[in-house]
């Protein structure tokens, strides 16, 4: 089982990988629980920011708080109480913005509260609860008072309360002093776990890990606060260049950006989306965006007087744990223009004709509308496109099965995995079963087998090897027509498992760009100040031993969009797939 949540495009997430053991909601997906909480709303009440209220809920009940008009587009917040099979109460809270986007959600078990920032707003959901005689009393406040928010966070850190915390915006973080002994102990713990468990030392021969210990101890000693400490740790662990080996904790990186989305297009920083001006509420900011005349396909060469290449090399890349250049780009480019809230980003723009100009845009918390893609899309000539954006739950299998009778009638099938960050490899395999007529071997793996006596005898370190088993064809109906799989840099983890098995089966062609190139089994450790780290302990390969971690699964037909394609709104990867299926029919 693998789970990967891509951290690009203004999304902060964690990477999970194979053999994941869920500690929460084992039988139900997050999507199922969200839908259940909406169905179980028993009370609704109006709510104004910064008002403290108390809600009493029994198991299976939910309360909906409808926000009065506010500057953050907050629409509602749903508090839901349910129980796991072992009887433990779990509280779930979900915030929704006016455009329908859910943000600031989470499920909490064995805790007494949660501090949850809502998206990229300064609002902090302060939720504390107690359970008594079958009822849960929930004290709630949605606060945009930074003084109160800082104090709530400070008290949480000082008193070591059993609370869940989540922050996206540096303005809500408080730099808390950490004792030097704790900082050193945490760093040495991280260093030693990597030394004995990291699976890819051969990929970083330039890293002398013993010398890193000596180099970083003074840096850890100088990093007096948790924010400074975790910045040092992130830079240290990024030396290992692995997407499943990273550090999380307090951050001093601002998360406010201009109203544009930036991505890497053939090695250039290119605008891929512009925020809808009609959704900007402040008149002066709307005028500013319209005056900028930005369009998809415009290249950004400089920001605040610095070349994009300089910002990447000095401010971003040294702190990003990534296995491949495409993963590093996916993480870094969206953050190029980041800065403090309401500061100005001066950007030099080069359009498709080569004309350059300067634009000035205000950084803020812009929630771009999500592109809602239908699961099944009918294309000309009987071709069907299936959008497999996630393997995160069995809901994907259910959708595929419900559409399977329609799929059987298709003359060609396109499986789009370009936005699939992973989940459970079993979900992808369940779909592959419907496409193959012979057993397919899954990826192979190995992990270091450290035997202290062998080391004392001077023997080479051993490896323990295993496989992910064989995928058997479905005993029921199977689709026998031509199949094309679409991939890109955001195709990761469990989605890469699918690509490995699909290419091994020789069932069809893979079209697009290389996948992310990161998977494995992380060992999770706790660090001082409430953060943690993961060390990748397992390396996966194709069944024949070919590597894809640190490389990416190579498509059979590589298609790389250009700036002109972005400007024209063309999906050249999809166009290539359709053309290939048409050629097969002819």
Protein backbone atom coordinates (compact mmCIF):
# COMPACT_ATOMS: atom_id res chain seq x y z
CA UNK A 1 0.00 0.00 0.00
CA UNK A 2 1.41 3.37 -0.93
CA UNK A 3 0.29 6.89 -0.40
CA UNK A 4 1.78 10.02 -1.84
CA UNK A 5 0.33 13.56 -1.58
CA UNK A 6 2.23 15.87 -3.86
CA UNK A 7 3.44 18.91 -2.09
CA UNK A 8 3.35 21.22 -5.08
CA UNK A 9 0.70 23.65 -6.35
CA UNK A 10 0.23 25.28 -2.95
CA UNK A 11 -0.56 21.98 -1.29
CA UNK A 12 1.36 20.89 1.78
CA UNK A 13 1.23 17.19 2.37
CA UNK A 14 3.01 14.06 3.52
CA UNK A 15 4.32 11.13 1.55
CA UNK A 16 3.21 7.65 2.52
CA UNK A 17 4.48 4.48 0.96
CA UNK A 18 4.15 0.74 0.87
CA UNK A 19 3.04 -1.37 3.82
CA UNK A 20 1.35 1.69 5.33
CA UNK A 21 -0.48 0.78 8.53
CA UNK A 22 -3.36 3.20 9.03
CA UNK A 23 -3.89 4.30 12.61
CA UNK A 24 -7.18 5.98 11.81
CA UNK A 25 -10.27 5.25 9.77
CA UNK A 26 -8.87 1.95 8.55
CA UNK A 27 -12.03 0.77 6.87
CA UNK A 28 -13.28 4.11 5.60
CA UNK A 29 -11.65 6.65 3.33
CA UNK A 30 -11.42 10.36 4.10
CA UNK A 31 -13.88 11.04 1.29
CA UNK A 32 -16.37 8.61 2.81
CA UNK A 33 -16.07 10.22 6.23
CA UNK A 34 -16.54 13.71 4.81
CA UNK A 35 -19.67 12.61 2.96
CA UNK A 36 -20.92 10.85 6.10
CA UNK A 37 -20.41 13.94 8.25
CA UNK A 38 -22.43 16.03 5.79
CA UNK A 39 -25.26 13.49 5.85
CA UNK A 40 -25.29 13.36 9.66
CA UNK A 41 -25.77 17.09 10.31
CA UNK A 42 -28.33 17.32 13.12
CA UNK A 43 -28.08 21.04 13.93
CA UNK A 44 -27.26 24.19 11.99
CA UNK A 45 -26.56 27.59 13.45
CA UNK A 46 -25.25 30.95 12.33
CA UNK A 47 -21.72 31.74 13.40
CA UNK A 48 -19.54 34.87 13.47
CA UNK A 49 -15.76 34.90 13.52
CA UNK A 50 -14.07 35.07 16.93
CA UNK A 51 -17.15 33.88 18.84
CA UNK A 52 -16.66 31.09 21.37
CA UNK A 53 -19.43 28.52 21.30
CA UNK A 54 -20.09 25.06 22.76
CA UNK A 55 -21.61 22.18 20.80
CA UNK A 56 -22.79 18.90 22.34
CA UNK A 57 -22.85 15.85 20.06
CA UNK A 58 -23.55 12.17 20.41
CA UNK A 59 -21.82 9.54 18.31
CA UNK A 60 -22.88 9.78 14.68
CA UNK A 61 -24.07 13.38 14.96
CA UNK A 62 -22.68 16.46 13.24
CA UNK A 63 -23.20 20.20 13.71
CA UNK A 64 -22.92 22.70 10.87
CA UNK A 65 -21.82 26.27 11.60
CA UNK A 66 -22.84 28.71 8.85
CA UNK A 67 -20.52 31.70 8.79
CA UNK A 68 -21.79 35.24 8.58
CA UNK A 69 -20.17 37.35 5.80
CA UNK A 70 -16.40 37.54 6.34
CA UNK A 71 -13.33 38.64 4.34
CA UNK A 72 -12.01 35.08 3.97
CA UNK A 73 -14.87 33.50 2.01
CA UNK A 74 -15.52 31.04 4.86
CA UNK A 75 -18.89 29.44 4.22
CA UNK A 76 -19.38 26.70 6.81
CA UNK A 77 -17.65 24.43 9.30
CA UNK A 78 -18.89 20.92 10.13
CA UNK A 79 -18.05 19.23 13.42
CA UNK A 80 -18.67 15.48 13.42
CA UNK A 81 -18.40 12.88 16.21
CA UNK A 82 -18.11 9.18 15.48
CA UNK A 83 -16.53 6.06 16.98
CA UNK A 84 -14.14 3.44 15.70
CA UNK A 85 -14.85 -0.24 16.14
CA UNK A 86 -12.93 -0.28 19.43
CA UNK A 87 -15.26 2.39 20.78
CA UNK A 88 -12.83 5.31 20.75
CA UNK A 89 -14.44 8.65 19.98
CA UNK A 90 -13.05 10.52 17.02
CA UNK A 91 -13.78 14.14 16.20
CA UNK A 92 -13.69 15.40 12.65
CA UNK A 93 -13.77 19.04 11.57
CA UNK A 94 -14.06 20.35 8.03
CA UNK A 95 -14.07 23.96 6.83
CA UNK A 96 -15.57 24.97 3.49
CA UNK A 97 -14.98 28.14 1.50
CA UNK A 98 -17.61 29.95 -0.53
CA UNK A 99 -16.40 28.33 -3.77
CA UNK A 100 -17.04 24.87 -2.30
CA UNK A 101 -13.39 24.10 -1.60
CA UNK A 102 -12.87 22.05 1.56
CA UNK A 103 -9.85 23.13 3.54
CA UNK A 104 -8.55 22.90 7.07
CA UNK A 105 -10.05 19.45 7.68
CA UNK A 106 -8.89 16.55 9.77
CA UNK A 107 -9.80 13.57 11.96
CA UNK A 108 -8.52 13.30 15.52
CA UNK A 109 -8.45 10.27 17.83
CA UNK A 110 -6.97 9.93 21.34
CA UNK A 111 -6.63 13.72 21.48
CA UNK A 112 -8.29 16.50 23.44
CA UNK A 113 -8.28 19.19 20.78
CA UNK A 114 -7.02 20.59 17.50
CA UNK A 115 -5.61 23.87 16.23
CA UNK A 116 -6.26 23.95 12.51
CA UNK A 117 -5.48 26.81 10.17
CA UNK A 118 -8.04 27.17 7.40
CA UNK A 119 -6.29 27.06 4.06
CA UNK A 120 -4.24 30.17 3.34
CA UNK A 121 -6.25 32.45 5.61
CA UNK A 122 -5.16 33.74 9.02
CA UNK A 123 -8.14 31.94 10.57
CA UNK A 124 -7.39 29.32 13.18
CA UNK A 125 -10.02 26.76 14.17
CA UNK A 126 -9.59 26.27 17.92
CA UNK A 127 -11.36 23.03 18.86
CA UNK A 128 -11.27 21.40 22.30
CA UNK A 129 -13.45 18.57 23.54
CA UNK A 130 -14.30 16.27 26.42
CA UNK A 131 -16.34 13.06 26.43
CA UNK A 132 -18.78 12.33 29.26
CA UNK A 133 -21.61 9.80 29.50
CA UNK A 134 -21.83 9.18 25.76
CA UNK A 135 -21.82 12.85 24.79
CA UNK A 136 -18.97 14.94 23.45
CA UNK A 137 -18.74 18.58 24.50
CA UNK A 138 -16.89 20.61 21.87
CA UNK A 139 -15.67 24.15 22.58
CA UNK A 140 -15.11 25.92 19.26
CA UNK A 141 -13.83 29.24 17.99
CA UNK A 142 -12.74 30.33 14.53
CA UNK A 143 -10.28 33.11 15.27
CA UNK A 144 -8.49 35.57 13.02
CA UNK A 145 -7.03 37.33 16.04
CA UNK A 146 -3.32 36.63 15.63
CA UNK A 147 -2.55 37.57 19.23
CA UNK A 148 -4.97 34.94 20.48
CA UNK A 149 -3.81 32.42 17.89
CA UNK A 150 -0.19 32.90 18.91
CA UNK A 151 -1.10 32.44 22.56
CA UNK A 152 -3.12 29.26 21.88
CA UNK A 153 -0.19 27.83 19.97
CA UNK A 154 2.30 28.91 22.63
CA UNK A 155 0.26 27.25 25.37
CA UNK A 156 -0.01 24.08 23.31
CA UNK A 157 3.77 23.93 22.88
CA UNK A 158 4.61 24.80 26.49
CA UNK A 159 2.12 22.40 28.07
CA UNK A 160 2.61 19.53 25.62
CA UNK A 161 -1.14 19.12 25.21
CA UNK A 162 -2.65 16.23 23.28
CA UNK A 163 -3.69 18.35 20.32
CA UNK A 164 -3.38 18.19 16.56
CA UNK A 165 -1.86 21.25 14.91
CA UNK A 166 -1.59 22.31 11.28
CA UNK A 167 -0.20 25.58 9.98
CA UNK A 168 0.36 26.77 6.43
CA UNK A 169 1.09 30.44 7.01
CA UNK A 170 4.23 31.76 8.67
CA UNK A 171 2.23 34.53 10.32
CA UNK A 172 0.59 31.95 12.58
CA UNK A 173 3.81 30.31 13.66
CA UNK A 174 5.56 31.17 16.87
CA UNK A 175 9.26 30.52 17.18
CA UNK A 176 9.50 28.47 20.38
CA UNK A 177 12.89 28.03 22.06
CA UNK A 178 14.17 24.45 22.14
CA UNK A 179 16.80 23.34 24.68
CA UNK A 180 20.17 22.61 23.11
CA UNK A 181 20.26 19.09 24.54
CA UNK A 182 16.92 18.28 22.84
CA UNK A 183 18.07 19.74 19.54
CA UNK A 184 21.30 17.75 19.59
CA UNK A 185 19.58 14.53 20.66
CA UNK A 186 16.99 14.89 17.90
CA UNK A 187 19.60 15.59 15.23
CA UNK A 188 21.81 12.66 16.27
CA UNK A 189 18.73 10.41 16.31
CA UNK A 190 17.90 11.51 12.75
CA UNK A 191 21.50 11.12 11.62
CA UNK A 192 21.88 7.61 13.08
CA UNK A 193 18.57 6.33 11.68
CA UNK A 194 19.67 7.49 8.24
CA UNK A 195 23.13 5.94 8.60
CA UNK A 196 21.79 2.47 9.36
CA UNK A 197 18.46 2.41 7.50
CA UNK A 198 18.63 4.63 4.39
CA UNK A 199 18.32 2.48 1.26
CA UNK A 200 20.05 4.68 -1.33
CA UNK A 201 23.52 5.54 -0.12
CA UNK A 202 24.93 4.47 -3.47
CA UNK A 203 22.91 7.29 -5.09
CA UNK A 204 24.71 9.99 -3.08
CA UNK A 205 28.41 8.98 -3.15
CA UNK A 206 29.40 12.62 -2.73
CA UNK A 207 27.84 12.72 0.75
CA UNK A 208 30.23 11.83 3.57
CA UNK A 209 27.62 11.22 6.28
CA UNK A 210 30.18 11.08 9.08
CA UNK A 211 31.50 14.47 7.99
CA UNK A 212 27.91 15.78 7.86
CA UNK A 213 27.57 14.96 11.57
CA UNK A 214 30.59 17.08 12.39
CA UNK A 215 29.48 19.89 10.06
CA UNK A 216 25.91 20.15 11.32
CA UNK A 217 26.38 19.87 15.08
CA UNK A 218 27.46 23.55 15.35
CA UNK A 219 24.52 24.56 13.13
CA UNK A 220 22.11 22.69 15.38
CA UNK A 221 23.66 24.35 18.43
CA UNK A 222 23.14 27.80 16.88
CA UNK A 223 19.50 27.09 15.89
CA UNK A 224 17.88 28.21 19.13
CA UNK A 225 14.22 28.07 18.09
CA UNK A 226 12.15 25.29 16.57
CA UNK A 227 11.76 27.22 13.30
CA UNK A 228 15.54 27.65 12.96
CA UNK A 229 16.16 24.06 14.02
CA UNK A 230 13.85 22.50 11.46
CA UNK A 231 15.25 24.65 8.71
CA UNK A 232 18.69 23.22 9.51
CA UNK A 233 17.31 19.68 9.56
CA UNK A 234 15.52 20.12 6.23
CA UNK A 235 18.70 21.31 4.59
CA UNK A 236 20.64 18.42 6.07
CA UNK A 237 18.22 15.67 5.05
CA UNK A 238 17.86 17.16 1.54
CA UNK A 239 21.48 16.10 0.99
CA UNK A 240 20.19 12.52 0.62
CA UNK A 241 18.12 13.47 -2.43
CA UNK A 242 15.20 11.17 -1.78
CA UNK A 243 11.51 12.03 -1.98
CA UNK A 244 10.57 9.55 0.74
CA UNK A 245 13.25 10.83 3.13
CA UNK A 246 12.31 14.19 4.57
CA UNK A 247 11.63 16.30 7.64
CA UNK A 248 8.51 18.16 8.72
CA UNK A 249 7.92 20.62 11.49
CA UNK A 250 7.63 24.37 12.06
CA UNK A 251 8.56 26.39 9.01
CA UNK A 252 9.57 29.97 8.35
CA UNK A 253 8.68 29.73 4.66
CA UNK A 254 5.81 32.10 3.78
CA UNK A 255 2.98 30.63 1.77
CA UNK A 256 1.51 33.77 0.22
CA UNK A 257 1.75 34.12 -3.55
CA UNK A 258 0.62 36.35 -6.40
CA UNK A 259 -2.65 35.38 -8.11
CA UNK A 260 -0.93 33.15 -10.68
CA UNK A 261 0.12 29.51 -10.78
CA UNK A 262 3.67 28.86 -11.91
CA UNK A 263 5.09 25.57 -13.15
CA UNK A 264 8.21 24.31 -14.88
CA UNK A 265 7.72 24.06 -18.65
CA UNK A 266 10.82 22.81 -20.45
CA UNK A 267 12.99 24.21 -17.68
CA UNK A 268 11.35 27.65 -17.63
CA UNK A 269 9.05 29.26 -15.06
CA UNK A 270 5.76 29.60 -16.91
CA UNK A 271 2.37 30.91 -15.91
CA UNK A 272 -0.10 28.04 -16.30
CA UNK A 273 -3.14 29.68 -14.70
CA UNK A 274 -4.24 33.18 -13.76
CA UNK A 275 -6.63 33.67 -10.86
CA UNK A 276 -10.13 34.72 -12.00
CA UNK A 277 -10.21 38.49 -11.55
CA UNK A 278 -13.94 38.43 -10.86
CA UNK A 279 -13.30 36.42 -7.70
CA UNK A 280 -10.98 39.03 -6.18
CA UNK A 281 -12.97 41.09 -3.70
CA UNK A 282 -10.60 44.06 -3.22
CA UNK A 283 -11.12 46.49 -6.13
CA UNK A 284 -7.51 47.69 -6.19
CA UNK A 285 -6.18 44.12 -6.41
CA UNK A 286 -8.62 43.28 -9.19
CA UNK A 287 -7.46 46.33 -11.16
CA UNK A 288 -3.84 45.37 -10.50
CA UNK A 289 -4.33 41.85 -11.90
CA UNK A 290 -6.22 43.02 -14.98
CA UNK A 291 -3.54 45.63 -15.69
CA UNK A 292 -0.84 42.95 -15.58
CA UNK A 293 -2.43 41.26 -18.66
CA UNK A 294 -0.90 37.92 -17.72
CA UNK A 295 -1.75 34.88 -19.81
CA UNK A 296 -0.97 31.17 -19.63
CA UNK A 297 2.28 30.61 -21.50
CA UNK A 298 3.96 33.80 -20.25
CA UNK A 299 7.45 33.13 -18.92
CA UNK A 300 8.73 34.65 -15.67
CA UNK A 301 12.46 35.40 -15.83
CA UNK A 302 13.04 37.52 -12.70
CA UNK A 303 11.23 38.10 -9.39
CA UNK A 304 12.09 41.07 -7.20
CA UNK A 305 15.22 41.72 -9.23
CA UNK A 306 16.57 38.18 -8.94
CA UNK A 307 16.79 35.64 -11.74
CA UNK A 308 14.53 32.62 -11.36
CA UNK A 309 17.59 30.37 -11.54
CA UNK A 310 19.15 32.20 -8.58
CA UNK A 311 16.00 31.88 -6.45
CA UNK A 312 15.80 28.16 -7.19
CA UNK A 313 19.48 27.53 -6.45
CA UNK A 314 19.71 29.62 -3.26
CA UNK A 315 16.26 29.65 -1.65
CA UNK A 316 14.41 26.50 -2.70
CA UNK A 317 16.41 23.56 -4.01
CA UNK A 318 18.74 23.25 -0.98
CA UNK A 319 15.74 22.55 1.28
CA UNK A 320 13.77 20.18 -0.96
CA UNK A 321 14.03 16.43 -0.44
CA UNK A 322 13.53 14.99 -3.92
CA UNK A 323 14.60 11.87 -5.79
CA UNK A 324 14.52 13.39 -9.27
CA UNK A 325 14.82 16.74 -11.04
CA UNK A 326 11.15 16.53 -12.02
CA UNK A 327 10.12 16.09 -8.38
CA UNK A 328 12.31 19.03 -7.36
CA UNK A 329 10.73 21.22 -10.06
CA UNK A 330 7.24 20.12 -9.09
CA UNK A 331 7.85 21.29 -5.54
CA UNK A 332 9.90 24.43 -6.16
CA UNK A 333 8.41 26.27 -9.14
CA UNK A 334 4.98 26.98 -7.61
CA UNK A 335 6.76 28.64 -4.66
CA UNK A 336 9.05 30.88 -6.71
CA UNK A 337 7.10 34.09 -6.05
CA UNK A 338 6.23 33.33 -2.43
CA UNK A 339 6.62 36.02 0.21
CA UNK A 340 4.96 37.82 3.07
CA UNK A 341 1.24 38.54 3.01
CA UNK A 342 0.28 41.71 1.07
CA UNK A 343 3.84 42.37 -0.13
CA UNK A 344 4.44 43.13 -3.80
CA UNK A 345 6.03 40.69 -6.23
CA UNK A 346 7.84 42.48 -9.04
CA UNK A 347 8.02 40.03 -11.94
CA UNK A 348 9.70 40.36 -15.32
CA UNK A 349 7.53 38.69 -17.94
CA UNK A 350 8.50 37.43 -21.39
CA UNK A 351 5.60 36.61 -23.71
CA UNK A 352 5.61 34.13 -26.59
CA UNK A 353 6.83 36.82 -29.01
CA UNK A 354 9.85 37.54 -26.80
CA UNK A 355 8.65 40.94 -25.58
CA UNK A 356 9.53 41.64 -21.95
CA UNK A 357 7.75 43.81 -19.41
CA UNK A 358 7.52 44.32 -15.64
CA UNK A 359 4.38 43.59 -13.65
CA UNK A 360 3.61 44.16 -9.98
CA UNK A 361 1.23 41.83 -8.14
CA UNK A 362 0.23 41.60 -4.49
CA UNK A 363 0.88 38.36 -2.65
CA UNK A 364 -2.12 36.87 -0.91
CA UNK A 365 -3.98 33.66 -0.10
CA UNK A 366 -5.61 32.77 -3.40
CA UNK A 367 -7.56 29.53 -3.55
CA UNK A 368 -7.69 28.58 -7.21
CA UNK A 369 -10.90 26.85 -8.31
CA UNK A 370 -10.24 23.16 -8.79
CA UNK A 371 -10.59 21.66 -12.23
CA UNK A 372 -13.40 19.15 -11.86
CA UNK A 373 -12.68 16.35 -14.29
CA UNK A 374 -15.30 13.67 -14.88
CA UNK A 375 -14.21 10.13 -14.09
CA UNK A 376 -15.25 8.96 -17.56
CA UNK A 377 -15.08 11.10 -20.68
CA UNK A 378 -16.18 10.04 -24.16
CA UNK A 379 -13.85 11.13 -26.96
CA UNK A 380 -14.40 10.85 -30.74
CA UNK A 381 -14.16 7.50 -32.51
CA UNK A 382 -15.31 5.48 -29.53
CA UNK A 383 -12.32 6.30 -27.33
CA UNK A 384 -12.92 6.56 -23.57
CA UNK A 385 -10.73 8.51 -21.17
CA UNK A 386 -10.71 7.49 -17.49
CA UNK A 387 -9.35 10.06 -15.05
CA UNK A 388 -7.55 8.14 -12.31
CA UNK A 389 -6.53 11.07 -10.13
CA UNK A 390 -6.03 9.01 -6.98
CA UNK A 391 -5.59 5.48 -5.68
CA UNK A 392 -6.37 6.74 -2.19
CA UNK A 393 -9.49 4.66 -1.58
CA UNK A 394 -11.61 1.81 -2.91
CA UNK A 395 -13.99 4.46 -4.26
CA UNK A 396 -11.84 4.52 -7.41
CA UNK A 397 -12.35 0.78 -7.89
CA UNK A 398 -16.09 1.24 -7.37
CA UNK A 399 -16.24 3.99 -10.01
CA UNK A 400 -14.31 1.84 -12.45
CA UNK A 401 -16.57 -1.16 -11.87
CA UNK A 402 -19.71 0.96 -12.24
CA UNK A 403 -18.41 2.24 -15.59
CA UNK A 404 -17.07 -1.11 -16.77
CA UNK A 405 -20.01 -2.09 -18.99
CA UNK A 406 -19.51 1.21 -20.81
CA UNK A 407 -15.75 0.62 -20.94
CA UNK A 408 -16.31 -2.76 -22.61
CA UNK A 409 -17.92 -0.99 -25.58
CA UNK A 410 -14.96 1.35 -26.15
CA UNK A 411 -12.73 0.97 -29.18
CA UNK A 412 -9.80 2.33 -27.17
CA UNK A 413 -9.14 3.23 -23.55
CA UNK A 414 -7.01 6.04 -22.10
CA UNK A 415 -6.09 5.88 -18.41
CA UNK A 416 -4.98 9.34 -17.24
CA UNK A 417 -2.62 9.09 -14.24
CA UNK A 418 -0.93 12.48 -14.68
CA UNK A 419 -2.38 13.89 -11.43
CA UNK A 420 -2.29 10.63 -9.47
CA UNK A 421 -0.11 11.06 -6.38
CA UNK A 422 -0.66 7.50 -5.21
CA UNK A 423 -2.55 5.85 -2.38
CA UNK A 424 -2.89 2.07 -2.25
CA UNK A 425 -1.14 0.02 -4.92
CA UNK A 426 -3.94 -2.54 -4.54
CA UNK A 427 -6.41 -0.05 -6.02
CA UNK A 428 -4.36 0.26 -9.19
CA UNK A 429 -3.85 -3.49 -9.38
CA UNK A 430 -7.61 -4.07 -9.11
CA UNK A 431 -8.04 -1.97 -12.26
CA UNK A 432 -5.17 -3.68 -14.05
CA UNK A 433 -6.81 -7.07 -13.40
CA UNK A 434 -9.60 -5.99 -15.77
CA UNK A 435 -7.12 -5.29 -18.57
CA UNK A 436 -4.81 -8.32 -18.63
CA UNK A 437 -5.26 -11.94 -19.69
CA UNK A 438 -2.04 -13.31 -18.17
CA UNK A 439 -0.52 -12.95 -14.68
CA UNK A 440 1.77 -9.94 -14.23
CA UNK A 441 4.62 -9.74 -11.78
CA UNK A 442 4.61 -6.67 -9.55
CA UNK A 443 7.65 -4.62 -8.65
CA UNK A 444 10.51 -6.14 -6.69
CA UNK A 445 12.05 -4.62 -3.57
CA UNK A 446 14.95 -4.98 -1.21
CA UNK A 447 16.04 -3.56 2.13
CA UNK A 448 19.32 -3.48 4.00
CA UNK A 449 19.93 -6.44 6.32
CA UNK A 450 22.31 -5.19 8.96
CA UNK A 451 24.09 -7.90 10.94
CA UNK A 452 26.50 -6.42 13.51
CA UNK A 453 28.65 -9.57 13.69
CA UNK A 454 29.11 -9.54 9.91
CA UNK A 455 30.32 -5.97 10.17
CA UNK A 456 32.77 -6.99 12.92
CA UNK A 457 34.07 -9.75 10.64
CA UNK A 458 34.52 -7.26 7.80
CA UNK A 459 31.86 -8.78 5.57
CA UNK A 460 29.88 -6.73 3.11
CA UNK A 461 26.41 -5.64 4.11
CA UNK A 462 23.60 -7.96 3.02
CA UNK A 463 20.23 -7.19 1.41
CA UNK A 464 16.90 -8.85 2.05
CA UNK A 465 14.87 -9.16 -1.16
CA UNK A 466 11.13 -9.54 -1.76
CA UNK A 467 8.38 -8.97 -4.31
CA UNK A 468 4.98 -7.33 -4.37
CA UNK A 469 3.46 -10.54 -5.69
CA UNK A 470 1.64 -11.38 -8.89
CA UNK A 471 -1.40 -9.62 -10.31
CA UNK A 472 -3.83 -12.23 -11.58
CA UNK A 473 -6.31 -11.48 -14.40
CA UNK A 474 -9.90 -10.94 -13.38
CA UNK A 475 -12.09 -14.04 -13.49
CA UNK A 476 -14.91 -11.92 -14.90
CA UNK A 477 -15.11 -9.79 -18.01
CA UNK A 478 -11.96 -8.02 -19.19
CA UNK A 479 -11.40 -5.13 -21.57
CA UNK A 480 -9.43 -6.46 -24.54
CA UNK A 481 -9.14 -3.32 -26.69
CA UNK A 482 -6.06 -1.08 -27.01
CA UNK A 483 -5.00 0.85 -23.90
CA UNK A 484 -2.83 3.94 -23.42
CA UNK A 485 -1.69 5.25 -20.02
CA UNK A 486 -0.86 8.94 -19.55
CA UNK A 487 1.87 9.92 -17.07
CA UNK A 488 3.68 13.04 -15.87
CA UNK A 489 5.88 14.34 -13.05
CA UNK A 490 2.97 14.23 -10.57
CA UNK A 491 2.44 10.49 -11.19
CA UNK A 492 3.87 9.11 -7.99
CA UNK A 493 4.26 6.20 -5.58
CA UNK A 494 1.33 3.76 -5.92
CA UNK A 495 0.59 5.23 -9.35
CA UNK A 496 4.15 4.36 -10.33
CA UNK A 497 3.54 0.81 -9.10
CA UNK A 498 0.68 0.66 -11.59
CA UNK A 499 2.89 1.96 -14.40
CA UNK A 500 5.61 -0.59 -13.56
CA UNK A 501 3.12 -3.47 -13.71
CA UNK A 502 1.40 -2.08 -16.83
CA UNK A 503 4.68 -1.77 -18.71
CA UNK A 504 5.74 -5.22 -17.52
CA UNK A 505 2.49 -6.68 -18.88
CA UNK A 506 3.15 -5.09 -22.30
CA UNK A 507 -0.60 -4.41 -22.35
CA UNK A 508 -0.27 -1.03 -24.02
CA UNK A 509 1.73 2.15 -24.42
CA UNK A 510 2.62 4.83 -21.84
CA UNK A 511 2.53 8.39 -23.19
CA UNK A 512 3.61 11.68 -21.64
CA UNK A 513 6.49 12.53 -19.34
CA UNK A 514 8.54 10.64 -16.78
CA UNK A 515 6.84 9.90 -13.49
CA UNK A 516 7.96 11.43 -10.19
CA UNK A 517 10.47 8.65 -9.47
CA UNK A 518 9.93 8.30 -5.73
CA UNK A 519 8.52 5.43 -3.73
CA UNK A 520 9.56 3.12 -0.89
CA UNK A 521 8.83 2.33 2.74
CA UNK A 522 9.67 5.19 5.09
CA UNK A 523 10.66 4.67 8.70
CA UNK A 524 8.95 7.47 10.66
CA UNK A 525 10.63 9.00 13.69
CA UNK A 526 9.56 11.72 16.11
CA UNK A 527 11.73 14.79 16.67
CA UNK A 528 11.80 17.51 19.34
CA UNK A 529 9.30 20.34 19.07
CA UNK A 530 6.49 18.28 17.61
CA UNK A 531 8.01 17.51 14.21
CA UNK A 532 9.21 14.33 12.63
CA UNK A 533 11.09 12.74 9.80
CA UNK A 534 10.97 9.79 7.43
CA UNK A 535 13.86 7.66 6.24
CA UNK A 536 13.29 5.51 3.15
CA UNK A 537 14.23 1.92 4.05
CA UNK A 538 13.21 0.07 0.88
CA UNK A 539 14.10 0.39 -2.79
CA UNK A 540 11.73 -0.82 -5.49
CA UNK A 541 12.59 -1.86 -9.03
CA UNK A 542 10.93 -3.35 -12.07
CA UNK A 543 10.72 -7.17 -11.84
CA UNK A 544 13.78 -7.42 -14.11
CA UNK A 545 15.80 -5.21 -11.77
CA UNK A 546 15.54 -1.95 -13.70
CA UNK A 547 15.53 1.10 -11.44
CA UNK A 548 12.82 3.74 -11.54
CA UNK A 549 13.30 5.41 -8.15
CA UNK A 550 15.56 8.37 -8.74
CA UNK A 551 14.76 8.23 -12.45
CA UNK A 552 11.02 7.97 -13.01
CA UNK A 553 9.17 5.47 -15.18
CA UNK A 554 10.00 6.35 -18.76
CA UNK A 555 7.04 6.61 -21.14
CA UNK A 556 7.10 4.63 -24.36
CA UNK A 557 6.32 7.86 -26.20
CA UNK A 558 7.60 11.04 -24.56
CA UNK A 559 5.51 14.18 -25.10
CA UNK A 560 6.63 17.42 -23.44
CA UNK A 561 4.24 20.40 -23.61
CA UNK A 562 5.75 23.72 -24.72
CA UNK A 563 4.87 27.28 -23.72
CA UNK A 564 2.83 27.65 -26.89
CA UNK A 565 0.76 24.59 -25.94
CA UNK A 566 0.06 26.09 -22.51
CA UNK A 567 -0.95 29.38 -24.13
CA UNK A 568 -3.29 27.64 -26.58
CA UNK A 569 -4.82 25.42 -23.91
CA UNK A 570 -3.76 22.32 -25.83
CA UNK A 571 -3.36 18.96 -24.13
CA UNK A 572 -0.70 17.59 -26.46
CA UNK A 573 -0.24 14.44 -24.35
CA UNK A 574 -3.89 13.51 -24.73
CA UNK A 575 -3.81 14.40 -28.41
CA UNK A 576 -0.88 12.01 -28.94
CA UNK A 577 -2.69 9.20 -27.11
CA UNK A 578 -5.83 9.66 -29.21
CA UNK A 579 -3.78 9.67 -32.41
CA UNK A 580 -2.05 6.43 -31.41
CA UNK A 581 -5.35 4.68 -30.70
CA UNK A 582 -6.78 5.83 -34.02
CA UNK A 583 -3.70 4.50 -35.80
CA UNK A 584 -4.11 1.11 -34.11
CA UNK A 585 -7.70 0.86 -35.34
CA UNK A 586 -6.66 1.68 -38.88
